[in-house]
PDB file of N, CA and C in Angstrom:
ATOM      1  N   MET A   1     -15.662 -19.955  20.743  1.00  0.00           N
ATOM      2  CA  MET A   1     -15.871 -18.697  21.443  1.00  0.00           C
ATOM      3  C   MET A   1     -17.287 -18.686  22.023  1.00  0.00           C
ATOM      4  N   ASP A   2     -17.425 -18.071  23.159  1.00  0.00           N
ATOM      5  CA  ASP A   2     -18.719 -17.941  23.820  1.00  0.00           C
ATOM      6  C   ASP A   2     -19.507 -16.817  23.162  1.00  0.00           C
ATOM      7  N   ARG A   3     -20.786 -16.783  23.481  1.00  0.00           N
ATOM      8  CA  ARG A   3     -21.650 -15.828  22.780  1.00  0.00           C
ATOM      9  C   ARG A   3     -22.758 -15.320  23.693  1.00  0.00           C
ATOM     10  N   ILE A   4     -22.976 -14.026  23.665  1.00  0.00           N
ATOM     11  CA  ILE A   4     -24.152 -13.413  24.272  1.00  0.00           C
ATOM     12  C   ILE A   4     -25.142 -13.194  23.146  1.00  0.00           C
ATOM     13  N   VAL A   5     -26.379 -13.641  23.334  1.00  0.00           N
ATOM     14  CA  VAL A   5     -27.382 -13.649  22.271  1.00  0.00           C
ATOM     15  C   VAL A   5     -28.571 -12.790  22.700  1.00  0.00           C
ATOM     16  N   LEU A   6     -28.883 -11.799  21.893  1.00  0.00           N
ATOM     17  CA  LEU A   6     -30.041 -10.941  22.125  1.00  0.00           C
ATOM     18  C   LEU A   6     -30.990 -11.118  20.946  1.00  0.00           C
ATOM     19  N   ARG A   7     -32.230 -11.480  21.212  1.00  0.00           N
ATOM     20  CA  ARG A   7     -33.194 -11.761  20.149  1.00  0.00           C
ATOM     21  C   ARG A   7     -34.462 -10.921  20.321  1.00  0.00           C
ATOM     22  N   GLY A   8     -34.923 -10.382  19.200  1.00  0.00           N
ATOM     23  CA  GLY A   8     -36.238  -9.736  19.173  1.00  0.00           C
ATOM     24  C   GLY A   8     -36.333  -8.386  19.844  1.00  0.00           C
ATOM     25  N   LEU A   9     -35.228  -7.625  19.884  1.00  0.00           N
ATOM     26  CA  LEU A   9     -35.293  -6.274  20.437  1.00  0.00           C
ATOM     27  C   LEU A   9     -36.098  -5.399  19.479  1.00  0.00           C
ATOM     28  N   ARG A  10     -37.118  -4.765  19.983  1.00  0.00           N
ATOM     29  CA  ARG A  10     -37.956  -3.882  19.153  1.00  0.00           C
ATOM     30  C   ARG A  10     -37.673  -2.433  19.515  1.00  0.00           C
ATOM     31  N   ALA A  11     -37.502  -1.630  18.470  1.00  0.00           N
ATOM     32  CA  ALA A  11     -37.287  -0.191  18.652  1.00  0.00           C
ATOM     33  C   ALA A  11     -37.895   0.527  17.448  1.00  0.00           C
ATOM     34  N   VAL A  12     -38.312   1.752  17.668  1.00  0.00           N
ATOM     35  CA  VAL A  12     -38.941   2.552  16.622  1.00  0.00           C
ATOM     36  C   VAL A  12     -37.964   3.642  16.197  1.00  0.00           C
ATOM     37  N   GLY A  13     -37.765   3.759  14.875  1.00  0.00           N
ATOM     38  CA  GLY A  13     -36.834   4.755  14.383  1.00  0.00           C
ATOM     39  C   GLY A  13     -37.187   5.208  12.979  1.00  0.00           C
ATOM     40  N   VAL A  14     -36.417   6.175  12.493  1.00  0.00           N
ATOM     41  CA  VAL A  14     -36.615   6.732  11.156  1.00  0.00           C
ATOM     42  C   VAL A  14     -35.433   6.291  10.290  1.00  0.00           C
ATOM     43  N   HIS A  15     -35.662   5.235   9.519  1.00  0.00           N
ATOM     44  CA  HIS A  15     -34.621   4.681   8.653  1.00  0.00           C
ATOM     45  C   HIS A  15     -35.283   4.217   7.368  1.00  0.00           C
ATOM     46  N   GLY A  16     -34.701   4.571   6.241  1.00  0.00           N
ATOM     47  CA  GLY A  16     -35.243   4.151   4.959  1.00  0.00           C
ATOM     48  C   GLY A  16     -34.901   5.151   3.871  1.00  0.00           C
ATOM     49  N   VAL A  17     -35.172   4.756   2.648  1.00  0.00           N
ATOM     50  CA  VAL A  17     -34.841   5.570   1.482  1.00  0.00           C
ATOM     51  C   VAL A  17     -36.037   6.387   0.997  1.00  0.00           C
ATOM     52  N   LEU A  18     -37.207   5.802   1.049  1.00  0.00           N
ATOM     53  CA  LEU A  18     -38.398   6.457   0.499  1.00  0.00           C
ATOM     54  C   LEU A  18     -38.831   7.649   1.359  1.00  0.00           C
ATOM     55  N   PRO A  19     -39.451   8.653   0.723  1.00  0.00           N
ATOM     56  CA  PRO A  19     -39.873   9.843   1.472  1.00  0.00           C
ATOM     57  C   PRO A  19     -40.742   9.521   2.686  1.00  0.00           C
ATOM     58  N   GLU A  20     -41.685   8.595   2.527  1.00  0.00           N
ATOM     59  CA  GLU A  20     -42.550   8.272   3.671  1.00  0.00           C
ATOM     60  C   GLU A  20     -41.779   7.616   4.817  1.00  0.00           C
ATOM     61  N   GLU A  21     -40.687   6.924   4.498  1.00  0.00           N
ATOM     62  CA  GLU A  21     -39.854   6.329   5.546  1.00  0.00           C
ATOM     63  C   GLU A  21     -38.999   7.380   6.246  1.00  0.00           C
ATOM     64  N   ARG A  22     -38.726   8.474   5.564  1.00  0.00           N
ATOM     65  CA  ARG A  22     -37.908   9.552   6.125  1.00  0.00           C
ATOM     66  C   ARG A  22     -38.740  10.482   7.001  1.00  0.00           C
ATOM     67  N   GLU A  23     -40.073  10.420   6.843  1.00  0.00           N
ATOM     68  CA  GLU A  23     -40.953  11.336   7.560  1.00  0.00           C
ATOM     69  C   GLU A  23     -41.603  10.721   8.795  1.00  0.00           C
ATOM     70  N   ARG A  24     -41.734   9.404   8.804  1.00  0.00           N
ATOM     71  CA  ARG A  24     -42.487   8.766   9.884  1.00  0.00           C
ATOM     72  C   ARG A  24     -41.689   7.600  10.464  1.00  0.00           C
ATOM     73  N   ALA A  25     -41.618   7.541  11.781  1.00  0.00           N
ATOM     74  CA  ALA A  25     -40.927   6.449  12.453  1.00  0.00           C
ATOM     75  C   ALA A  25     -41.658   5.135  12.203  1.00  0.00           C
ATOM     76  N   GLN A  26     -40.903   4.056  12.176  1.00  0.00           N
ATOM     77  CA  GLN A  26     -41.475   2.731  11.973  1.00  0.00           C
ATOM     78  C   GLN A  26     -40.764   1.732  12.894  1.00  0.00           C
ATOM     79  N   PRO A  27     -41.383   0.575  13.127  1.00  0.00           N
ATOM     80  CA  PRO A  27     -40.766  -0.402  14.025  1.00  0.00           C
ATOM     81  C   PRO A  27     -39.683  -1.225  13.328  1.00  0.00           C
ATOM     82  N   PHE A  28     -38.653  -1.525  14.094  1.00  0.00           N
ATOM     83  CA  PHE A  28     -37.573  -2.397  13.662  1.00  0.00           C
ATOM     84  C   PHE A  28     -37.380  -3.467  14.726  1.00  0.00           C
ATOM     85  N   GLU A  29     -36.912  -4.621  14.286  1.00  0.00           N
ATOM     86  CA  GLU A  29     -36.570  -5.692  15.221  1.00  0.00           C
ATOM     87  C   GLU A  29     -35.106  -6.035  14.990  1.00  0.00           C
ATOM     88  N   LEU A  30     -34.393  -6.279  16.074  1.00  0.00           N
ATOM     89  CA  LEU A  30     -32.958  -6.532  15.977  1.00  0.00           C
ATOM     90  C   LEU A  30     -32.571  -7.792  16.731  1.00  0.00           C
ATOM     91  N   ASP A  31     -31.622  -8.497  16.148  1.00  0.00           N
ATOM     92  CA  ASP A  31     -30.978  -9.636  16.786  1.00  0.00           C
ATOM     93  C   ASP A  31     -29.487  -9.328  16.828  1.00  0.00           C
ATOM     94  N   VAL A  32     -28.862  -9.550  17.979  1.00  0.00           N
ATOM     95  CA  VAL A  32     -27.443  -9.241  18.142  1.00  0.00           C
ATOM     96  C   VAL A  32     -26.764 -10.418  18.829  1.00  0.00           C
ATOM     97  N   ASP A  33     -25.662 -10.884  18.229  1.00  0.00           N
ATOM     98  CA  ASP A  33     -24.817 -11.918  18.836  1.00  0.00           C
ATOM     99  C   ASP A  33     -23.445 -11.309  19.065  1.00  0.00           C
ATOM    100  N   VAL A  34     -22.954 -11.394  20.295  1.00  0.00           N
ATOM    101  CA  VAL A  34     -21.636 -10.867  20.625  1.00  0.00           C
ATOM    102  C   VAL A  34     -20.763 -12.024  21.089  1.00  0.00           C
ATOM    103  N   GLU A  35     -19.659 -12.233  20.382  1.00  0.00           N
ATOM    104  CA  GLU A  35     -18.711 -13.268  20.781  1.00  0.00           C
ATOM    105  C   GLU A  35     -17.687 -12.671  21.734  1.00  0.00           C
ATOM    106  N   ALA A  36     -17.464 -13.378  22.827  1.00  0.00           N
ATOM    107  CA  ALA A  36     -16.505 -12.941  23.840  1.00  0.00           C
ATOM    108  C   ALA A  36     -16.140 -14.161  24.690  1.00  0.00           C
ATOM    109  N   ASP A  37     -15.015 -14.078  25.351  1.00  0.00           N
ATOM    110  CA  ASP A  37     -14.619 -15.138  26.275  1.00  0.00           C
ATOM    111  C   ASP A  37     -15.383 -14.925  27.579  1.00  0.00           C
ATOM    112  N   LEU A  38     -16.326 -15.803  27.862  1.00  0.00           N
ATOM    113  CA  LEU A  38     -17.168 -15.687  29.056  1.00  0.00           C
ATOM    114  C   LEU A  38     -16.750 -16.658  30.150  1.00  0.00           C
ATOM    115  N   SER A  39     -15.576 -17.254  30.031  1.00  0.00           N
ATOM    116  CA  SER A  39     -15.153 -18.285  30.989  1.00  0.00           C
ATOM    117  C   SER A  39     -14.967 -17.729  32.394  1.00  0.00           C
ATOM    118  N   THR A  40     -14.467 -16.516  32.522  1.00  0.00           N
ATOM    119  CA  THR A  40     -14.301 -15.939  33.858  1.00  0.00           C
ATOM    120  C   THR A  40     -15.655 -15.749  34.527  1.00  0.00           C
ATOM    121  N   ALA A  41     -16.607 -15.175  33.801  1.00  0.00           N
ATOM    122  CA  ALA A  41     -17.947 -14.975  34.370  1.00  0.00           C
ATOM    123  C   ALA A  41     -18.604 -16.306  34.719  1.00  0.00           C
ATOM    124  N   ALA A  42     -18.352 -17.336  33.923  1.00  0.00           N
ATOM    125  CA  ALA A  42     -18.921 -18.652  34.209  1.00  0.00           C
ATOM    126  C   ALA A  42     -18.369 -19.222  35.516  1.00  0.00           C
ATOM    127  N   THR A  43     -17.191 -18.789  35.899  1.00  0.00           N
ATOM    128  CA  THR A  43     -16.573 -19.252  37.144  1.00  0.00           C
ATOM    129  C   THR A  43     -16.946 -18.372  38.326  1.00  0.00           C
ATOM    130  N   THR A  44     -16.894 -17.038  38.138  1.00  0.00           N
ATOM    131  CA  THR A  44     -17.079 -16.122  39.264  1.00  0.00           C
ATOM    132  C   THR A  44     -18.533 -15.778  39.564  1.00  0.00           C
ATOM    133  N   ASP A  45     -19.419 -15.910  38.568  1.00  0.00           N
ATOM    134  CA  ASP A  45     -20.824 -15.523  38.722  1.00  0.00           C
ATOM    135  C   ASP A  45     -20.960 -14.036  39.039  1.00  0.00           C
ATOM    136  N   ASP A  46     -20.055 -13.223  38.462  1.00  0.00           N
ATOM    137  CA  ASP A  46     -19.998 -11.785  38.732  1.00  0.00           C
ATOM    138  C   ASP A  46     -20.293 -11.014  37.443  1.00  0.00           C
ATOM    139  N   LEU A  47     -21.274 -10.112  37.499  1.00  0.00           N
ATOM    140  CA  LEU A  47     -21.654  -9.319  36.341  1.00  0.00           C
ATOM    141  C   LEU A  47     -20.478  -8.528  35.774  1.00  0.00           C
ATOM    142  N   GLY A  48     -19.556  -8.121  36.614  1.00  0.00           N
ATOM    143  CA  GLY A  48     -18.395  -7.364  36.167  1.00  0.00           C
ATOM    144  C   GLY A  48     -17.456  -8.157  35.283  1.00  0.00           C
ATOM    145  N   ASP A  49     -17.626  -9.462  35.248  1.00  0.00           N
ATOM    146  CA  ASP A  49     -16.761 -10.325  34.447  1.00  0.00           C
ATOM    147  C   ASP A  49     -17.379 -10.712  33.109  1.00  0.00           C
ATOM    148  N   THR A  50     -18.469 -10.071  32.752  1.00  0.00           N
ATOM    149  CA  THR A  50     -19.121 -10.360  31.473  1.00  0.00           C
ATOM    150  C   THR A  50     -19.563  -9.061  30.823  1.00  0.00           C
ATOM    151  N   LEU A  51     -20.136  -9.158  29.651  1.00  0.00           N
ATOM    152  CA  LEU A  51     -20.717  -7.984  28.990  1.00  0.00           C
ATOM    153  C   LEU A  51     -22.168  -7.882  29.458  1.00  0.00           C
ATOM    154  N   ASP A  52     -22.522  -6.772  30.005  1.00  0.00           N
ATOM    155  CA  ASP A  52     -23.857  -6.534  30.551  1.00  0.00           C
ATOM    156  C   ASP A  52     -24.859  -6.412  29.400  1.00  0.00           C
ATOM    157  N   TYR A  53     -25.707  -7.432  29.223  1.00  0.00           N
ATOM    158  CA  TYR A  53     -26.624  -7.379  28.080  1.00  0.00           C
ATOM    159  C   TYR A  53     -27.686  -6.298  28.238  1.00  0.00           C
ATOM    160  N   GLY A  54     -27.982  -5.899  29.441  1.00  0.00           N
ATOM    161  CA  GLY A  54     -28.895  -4.771  29.637  1.00  0.00           C
ATOM    162  C   GLY A  54     -28.315  -3.492  29.054  1.00  0.00           C
ATOM    163  N   ALA A  55     -27.028  -3.261  29.281  1.00  0.00           N
ATOM    164  CA  ALA A  55     -26.358  -2.091  28.722  1.00  0.00           C
ATOM    165  C   ALA A  55     -26.245  -2.202  27.203  1.00  0.00           C
ATOM    166  N   LEU A  56     -26.040  -3.410  26.693  1.00  0.00           N
ATOM    167  CA  LEU A  56     -25.985  -3.615  25.242  1.00  0.00           C
ATOM    168  C   LEU A  56     -27.330  -3.292  24.596  1.00  0.00           C
ATOM    169  N   VAL A  57     -28.412  -3.727  25.218  1.00  0.00           N
ATOM    170  CA  VAL A  57     -29.752  -3.440  24.695  1.00  0.00           C
ATOM    171  C   VAL A  57     -29.997  -1.936  24.655  1.00  0.00           C
ATOM    172  N   GLU A  58     -29.594  -1.234  25.698  1.00  0.00           N
ATOM    173  CA  GLU A  58     -29.755   0.226  25.725  1.00  0.00           C
ATOM    174  C   GLU A  58     -28.951   0.888  24.611  1.00  0.00           C
ATOM    175  N   LEU A  59     -27.735   0.418  24.391  1.00  0.00           N
ATOM    176  CA  LEU A  59     -26.878   0.958  23.338  1.00  0.00           C
ATOM    177  C   LEU A  59     -27.516   0.784  21.966  1.00  0.00           C
ATOM    178  N   VAL A  60     -27.970  -0.421  21.670  1.00  0.00           N
ATOM    179  CA  VAL A  60     -28.582  -0.718  20.376  1.00  0.00           C
ATOM    180  C   VAL A  60     -29.857   0.098  20.190  1.00  0.00           C
ATOM    181  N   SER A  61     -30.694   0.123  21.195  1.00  0.00           N
ATOM    182  CA  SER A  61     -31.954   0.865  21.124  1.00  0.00           C
ATOM    183  C   SER A  61     -31.710   2.354  20.888  1.00  0.00           C
ATOM    184  N   ARG A  62     -30.724   2.906  21.556  1.00  0.00           N
ATOM    185  CA  ARG A  62     -30.413   4.337  21.408  1.00  0.00           C
ATOM    186  C   ARG A  62     -30.019   4.669  19.968  1.00  0.00           C
ATOM    187  N   ILE A  63     -29.238   3.805  19.335  1.00  0.00           N
ATOM    188  CA  ILE A  63     -28.829   4.058  17.947  1.00  0.00           C
ATOM    189  C   ILE A  63     -30.046   4.040  17.027  1.00  0.00           C
ATOM    190  N   VAL A  64     -30.927   3.055  17.217  1.00  0.00           N
ATOM    191  CA  VAL A  64     -32.121   2.956  16.359  1.00  0.00           C
ATOM    192  C   VAL A  64     -33.034   4.160  16.550  1.00  0.00           C
ATOM    193  N   THR A  65     -33.209   4.603  17.772  1.00  0.00           N
ATOM    194  CA  THR A  65     -34.201   5.646  18.054  1.00  0.00           C
ATOM    195  C   THR A  65     -33.687   7.071  17.869  1.00  0.00           C
ATOM    196  N   THR A  66     -32.373   7.285  17.908  1.00  0.00           N
ATOM    197  CA  THR A  66     -31.864   8.663  17.847  1.00  0.00           C
ATOM    198  C   THR A  66     -31.137   8.998  16.550  1.00  0.00           C
ATOM    199  N   GLU A  67     -30.761   7.994  15.772  1.00  0.00           N
ATOM    200  CA  GLU A  67     -30.088   8.253  14.502  1.00  0.00           C
ATOM    201  C   GLU A  67     -31.052   7.989  13.355  1.00  0.00           C
ATOM    202  N   SER A  68     -30.679   8.454  12.164  1.00  0.00           N
ATOM    203  CA  SER A  68     -31.493   8.222  10.983  1.00  0.00           C
ATOM    204  C   SER A  68     -30.575   7.871   9.817  1.00  0.00           C
ATOM    205  N   HIS A  69     -30.835   6.730   9.175  1.00  0.00           N
ATOM    206  CA  HIS A  69     -30.007   6.260   8.072  1.00  0.00           C
ATOM    207  C   HIS A  69     -30.898   5.802   6.925  1.00  0.00           C
ATOM    208  N   ALA A  70     -30.409   5.956   5.724  1.00  0.00           N
ATOM    209  CA  ALA A  70     -31.167   5.517   4.547  1.00  0.00           C
ATOM    210  C   ALA A  70     -31.178   3.997   4.442  1.00  0.00           C
ATOM    211  N   LEU A  71     -30.042   3.371   4.696  1.00  0.00           N
ATOM    212  CA  LEU A  71     -29.911   1.924   4.475  1.00  0.00           C
ATOM    213  C   LEU A  71     -29.836   1.140   5.772  1.00  0.00           C
ATOM    214  N   LEU A  72     -30.447  -0.038   5.757  1.00  0.00           N
ATOM    215  CA  LEU A  72     -30.321  -0.947   6.891  1.00  0.00           C
ATOM    216  C   LEU A  72     -28.868  -1.362   7.081  1.00  0.00           C
ATOM    217  N   GLU A  73     -28.119  -1.442   5.988  1.00  0.00           N
ATOM    218  CA  GLU A  73     -26.703  -1.794   6.072  1.00  0.00           C
ATOM    219  C   GLU A  73     -25.939  -0.788   6.939  1.00  0.00           C
ATOM    220  N   ARG A  74     -26.242   0.484   6.750  1.00  0.00           N
ATOM    221  CA  ARG A  74     -25.594   1.527   7.549  1.00  0.00           C
ATOM    222  C   ARG A  74     -26.006   1.427   9.010  1.00  0.00           C
ATOM    223  N   LEU A  75     -27.279   1.221   9.270  1.00  0.00           N
ATOM    224  CA  LEU A  75     -27.763   1.084  10.641  1.00  0.00           C
ATOM    225  C   LEU A  75     -27.098  -0.111  11.328  1.00  0.00           C
ATOM    226  N   ALA A  76     -27.070  -1.252  10.661  1.00  0.00           N
ATOM    227  CA  ALA A  76     -26.441  -2.443  11.244  1.00  0.00           C
ATOM    228  C   ALA A  76     -24.949  -2.224  11.477  1.00  0.00           C
ATOM    229  N   GLY A  77     -24.293  -1.534  10.553  1.00  0.00           N
ATOM    230  CA  GLY A  77     -22.871  -1.240  10.709  1.00  0.00           C
ATOM    231  C   GLY A  77     -22.590  -0.333  11.886  1.00  0.00           C
ATOM    232  N   ARG A  78     -23.426   0.688  12.078  1.00  0.00           N
ATOM    233  CA  ARG A  78     -23.269   1.586  13.230  1.00  0.00           C
ATOM    234  C   ARG A  78     -23.408   0.816  14.536  1.00  0.00           C
ATOM    235  N   ILE A  79     -24.400  -0.056  14.589  1.00  0.00           N
ATOM    236  CA  ILE A  79     -24.612  -0.846  15.803  1.00  0.00           C
ATOM    237  C   ILE A  79     -23.416  -1.751  16.061  1.00  0.00           C
ATOM    238  N   ALA A  80     -22.959  -2.448  15.022  1.00  0.00           N
ATOM    239  CA  ALA A  80     -21.825  -3.365  15.186  1.00  0.00           C
ATOM    240  C   ALA A  80     -20.583  -2.631  15.676  1.00  0.00           C
ATOM    241  N   ASN A  81     -20.285  -1.486  15.081  1.00  0.00           N
ATOM    242  CA  ASN A  81     -19.103  -0.726  15.494  1.00  0.00           C
ATOM    243  C   ASN A  81     -19.194  -0.272  16.944  1.00  0.00           C
ATOM    244  N   ASP A  82     -20.370   0.195  17.347  1.00  0.00           N
ATOM    245  CA  ASP A  82     -20.524   0.654  18.729  1.00  0.00           C
ATOM    246  C   ASP A  82     -20.495  -0.493  19.732  1.00  0.00           C
ATOM    247  N   VAL A  83     -21.015  -1.644  19.355  1.00  0.00           N
ATOM    248  CA  VAL A  83     -20.940  -2.799  20.258  1.00  0.00           C
ATOM    249  C   VAL A  83     -19.483  -3.213  20.463  1.00  0.00           C
ATOM    250  N   LEU A  84     -18.693  -3.234  19.391  1.00  0.00           N
ATOM    251  CA  LEU A  84     -17.275  -3.577  19.539  1.00  0.00           C
ATOM    252  C   LEU A  84     -16.539  -2.547  20.393  1.00  0.00           C
ATOM    253  N   ALA A  85     -16.913  -1.277  20.260  1.00  0.00           N
ATOM    254  CA  ALA A  85     -16.285  -0.229  21.059  1.00  0.00           C
ATOM    255  C   ALA A  85     -16.760  -0.241  22.509  1.00  0.00           C
ATOM    256  N   PHE A  86     -17.904  -0.830  22.764  1.00  0.00           N
ATOM    257  CA  PHE A  86     -18.521  -0.867  24.097  1.00  0.00           C
ATOM    258  C   PHE A  86     -17.645  -1.584  25.114  1.00  0.00           C
ATOM    259  N   ASP A  87     -17.009  -2.680  24.684  1.00  0.00           N
ATOM    260  CA  ASP A  87     -16.222  -3.484  25.613  1.00  0.00           C
ATOM    261  C   ASP A  87     -15.138  -4.217  24.826  1.00  0.00           C
ATOM    262  N   ASP A  88     -13.907  -4.071  25.260  1.00  0.00           N
ATOM    263  CA  ASP A  88     -12.771  -4.714  24.581  1.00  0.00           C
ATOM    264  C   ASP A  88     -12.848  -6.234  24.593  1.00  0.00           C
ATOM    265  N   ARG A  89     -13.653  -6.793  25.465  1.00  0.00           N
ATOM    266  CA  ARG A  89     -13.781  -8.258  25.524  1.00  0.00           C
ATOM    267  C   ARG A  89     -14.598  -8.821  24.376  1.00  0.00           C
ATOM    268  N   ALA A  90     -15.356  -7.974  23.697  1.00  0.00           N
ATOM    269  CA  ALA A  90     -16.135  -8.420  22.535  1.00  0.00           C
ATOM    270  C   ALA A  90     -15.174  -8.627  21.370  1.00  0.00           C
ATOM    271  N   SER A  91     -15.117  -9.861  20.855  1.00  0.00           N
ATOM    272  CA  SER A  91     -14.199 -10.139  19.750  1.00  0.00           C
ATOM    273  C   SER A  91     -14.881 -10.005  18.392  1.00  0.00           C
ATOM    274  N   SER A  92     -16.180 -10.259  18.350  1.00  0.00           N
ATOM    275  CA  SER A  92     -16.936 -10.053  17.113  1.00  0.00           C
ATOM    276  C   SER A  92     -18.402  -9.866  17.458  1.00  0.00           C
ATOM    277  N   VAL A  93     -19.137  -9.317  16.496  1.00  0.00           N
ATOM    278  CA  VAL A  93     -20.568  -9.088  16.689  1.00  0.00           C
ATOM    279  C   VAL A  93     -21.279  -9.336  15.369  1.00  0.00           C
ATOM    280  N   THR A  94     -22.442  -9.959  15.464  1.00  0.00           N
ATOM    281  CA  THR A  94     -23.319 -10.137  14.316  1.00  0.00           C
ATOM    282  C   THR A  94     -24.628  -9.427  14.629  1.00  0.00           C
ATOM    283  N   VAL A  95     -25.036  -8.549  13.724  1.00  0.00           N
ATOM    284  CA  VAL A  95     -26.245  -7.748  13.914  1.00  0.00           C
ATOM    285  C   VAL A  95     -27.203  -8.023  12.758  1.00  0.00           C
ATOM    286  N   THR A  96     -28.444  -8.344  13.094  1.00  0.00           N
ATOM    287  CA  THR A  96     -29.497  -8.440  12.090  1.00  0.00           C
ATOM    288  C   THR A  96     -30.532  -7.367  12.396  1.00  0.00           C
ATOM    289  N   VAL A  97     -30.835  -6.545  11.390  1.00  0.00           N
ATOM    290  CA  VAL A  97     -31.860  -5.513  11.510  1.00  0.00           C
ATOM    291  C   VAL A  97     -33.004  -5.908  10.585  1.00  0.00           C
ATOM    292  N   TRP A  98     -34.191  -6.021  11.155  1.00  0.00           N
ATOM    293  CA  TRP A  98     -35.402  -6.359  10.398  1.00  0.00           C
ATOM    294  C   TRP A  98     -36.290  -5.138  10.276  1.00  0.00           C
ATOM    295  N   LYS A  99     -36.687  -4.808   9.061  1.00  0.00           N
ATOM    296  CA  LYS A  99     -37.706  -3.782   8.816  1.00  0.00           C
ATOM    297  C   LYS A  99     -39.033  -4.525   8.806  1.00  0.00           C
ATOM    298  N   LEU A 100     -39.911  -4.210   9.757  1.00  0.00           N
ATOM    299  CA  LEU A 100     -41.149  -4.963   9.933  1.00  0.00           C
ATOM    300  C   LEU A 100     -42.269  -4.530   9.000  1.00  0.00           C
ATOM    301  N   ARG A 101     -42.115  -3.384   8.367  1.00  0.00           N
ATOM    302  CA  ARG A 101     -43.110  -2.905   7.396  1.00  0.00           C
ATOM    303  C   ARG A 101     -42.393  -2.483   6.112  1.00  0.00           C
ATOM    304  N   PRO A 102     -41.800  -3.445   5.398  1.00  0.00           N
ATOM    305  CA  PRO A 102     -41.059  -3.067   4.185  1.00  0.00           C
ATOM    306  C   PRO A 102     -41.989  -2.487   3.124  1.00  0.00           C
ATOM    307  N   PRO A 103     -41.559  -1.399   2.489  1.00  0.00           N
ATOM    308  CA  PRO A 103     -42.410  -0.724   1.501  1.00  0.00           C
ATOM    309  C   PRO A 103     -42.309  -1.384   0.118  1.00  0.00           C
ATOM    310  N   VAL A 104     -42.919  -2.535  -0.006  1.00  0.00           N
ATOM    311  CA  VAL A 104     -42.940  -3.238  -1.296  1.00  0.00           C
ATOM    312  C   VAL A 104     -44.390  -3.542  -1.658  1.00  0.00           C
ATOM    313  N   PRO A 105     -44.693  -3.688  -2.942  1.00  0.00           N
ATOM    314  CA  PRO A 105     -46.085  -3.869  -3.361  1.00  0.00           C
ATOM    315  C   PRO A 105     -46.605  -5.302  -3.227  1.00  0.00           C
ATOM    316  N   LEU A 106     -45.843  -6.185  -2.628  1.00  0.00           N
ATOM    317  CA  LEU A 106     -46.268  -7.573  -2.444  1.00  0.00           C
ATOM    318  C   LEU A 106     -46.308  -7.909  -0.967  1.00  0.00           C
ATOM    319  N   ALA A 107     -46.943  -9.026  -0.640  1.00  0.00           N
ATOM    320  CA  ALA A 107     -46.993  -9.473   0.752  1.00  0.00           C
ATOM    321  C   ALA A 107     -45.589  -9.925   1.179  1.00  0.00           C
ATOM    322  N   LEU A 108     -44.992  -9.189   2.096  1.00  0.00           N
ATOM    323  CA  LEU A 108     -43.669  -9.509   2.617  1.00  0.00           C
ATOM    324  C   LEU A 108     -43.695  -9.251   4.111  1.00  0.00           C
ATOM    325  N   ASP A 109     -43.449 -10.281   4.891  1.00  0.00           N
ATOM    326  CA  ASP A 109     -43.533 -10.186   6.341  1.00  0.00           C
ATOM    327  C   ASP A 109     -42.505  -9.209   6.901  1.00  0.00           C
ATOM    328  N   ARG A 110     -41.267  -9.295   6.418  1.00  0.00           N
ATOM    329  CA  ARG A 110     -40.211  -8.397   6.866  1.00  0.00           C
ATOM    330  C   ARG A 110     -39.007  -8.544   5.941  1.00  0.00           C
ATOM    331  N   ALA A 111     -38.160  -7.532   5.959  1.00  0.00           N
ATOM    332  CA  ALA A 111     -36.923  -7.553   5.185  1.00  0.00           C
ATOM    333  C   ALA A 111     -35.790  -7.172   6.127  1.00  0.00           C
ATOM    334  N   GLY A 112     -34.623  -7.759   5.917  1.00  0.00           N
ATOM    335  CA  GLY A 112     -33.543  -7.479   6.850  1.00  0.00           C
ATOM    336  C   GLY A 112     -32.161  -7.586   6.253  1.00  0.00           C
ATOM    337  N   VAL A 113     -31.212  -7.202   7.081  1.00  0.00           N
ATOM    338  CA  VAL A 113     -29.791  -7.244   6.741  1.00  0.00           C
ATOM    339  C   VAL A 113     -29.051  -7.830   7.932  1.00  0.00           C
ATOM    340  N   THR A 114     -28.094  -8.710   7.655  1.00  0.00           N
ATOM    341  CA  THR A 114     -27.225  -9.252   8.695  1.00  0.00           C
ATOM    342  C   THR A 114     -25.786  -8.935   8.336  1.00  0.00           C
ATOM    343  N   ILE A 115     -25.058  -8.370   9.294  1.00  0.00           N
ATOM    344  CA  ILE A 115     -23.643  -8.117   9.089  1.00  0.00           C
ATOM    345  C   ILE A 115     -22.859  -8.646  10.289  1.00  0.00           C
ATOM    346  N   THR A 116     -21.603  -8.984  10.049  1.00  0.00           N
ATOM    347  CA  THR A 116     -20.696  -9.413  11.113  1.00  0.00           C
ATOM    348  C   THR A 116     -19.438  -8.574  11.042  1.00  0.00           C
ATOM    349  N   ARG A 117     -19.001  -8.099  12.190  1.00  0.00           N
ATOM    350  CA  ARG A 117     -17.760  -7.342  12.293  1.00  0.00           C
ATOM    351  C   ARG A 117     -16.903  -7.966  13.388  1.00  0.00           C
ATOM    352  N   SER A 118     -15.598  -7.969  13.154  1.00  0.00           N
ATOM    353  CA  SER A 118     -14.652  -8.544  14.121  1.00  0.00           C
ATOM    354  C   SER A 118     -13.528  -7.568  14.373  1.00  0.00           C
ATOM    355  N   ARG A 119     -12.875  -7.746  15.504  1.00  0.00           N
ATOM    356  CA  ARG A 119     -11.647  -6.986  15.762  1.00  0.00           C
ATOM    357  C   ARG A 119     -10.574  -7.510  14.836  1.00  0.00           C
ATOM    358  N   ARG A 120      -9.756  -6.664  14.331  1.00  0.00           N
ATOM    359  CA  ARG A 120      -8.688  -7.090  13.415  1.00  0.00           C
ATOM    360  C   ARG A 120      -7.419  -7.317  14.154  1.00  0.00           C
TER     361      ARG A 120
END
């Protein structure tokens, strides 16, 4: 299966369990892989024959910036479900959400969750 790959999307949102995470927005980084049959677009060179990654980036960013969830698992799940609903040509999606400032008492560069959802 072909794949559209989005790497390093940065968005600021309010997601987390701790009180300070619920009160102040923080940066998140996202990676999204969407599996779809891209053979028609590879032949026609027409944007209408593929999934518009600009629109996908807007969709993902909107969820991060306008919703609020306690768990990264929930945030990643919301994104995956909406990406699958975005276009019927998407057969599966893998979403990784990175918290760039994890609230732990040790040196940790980032913490994240990766989930994959497919059409049944």
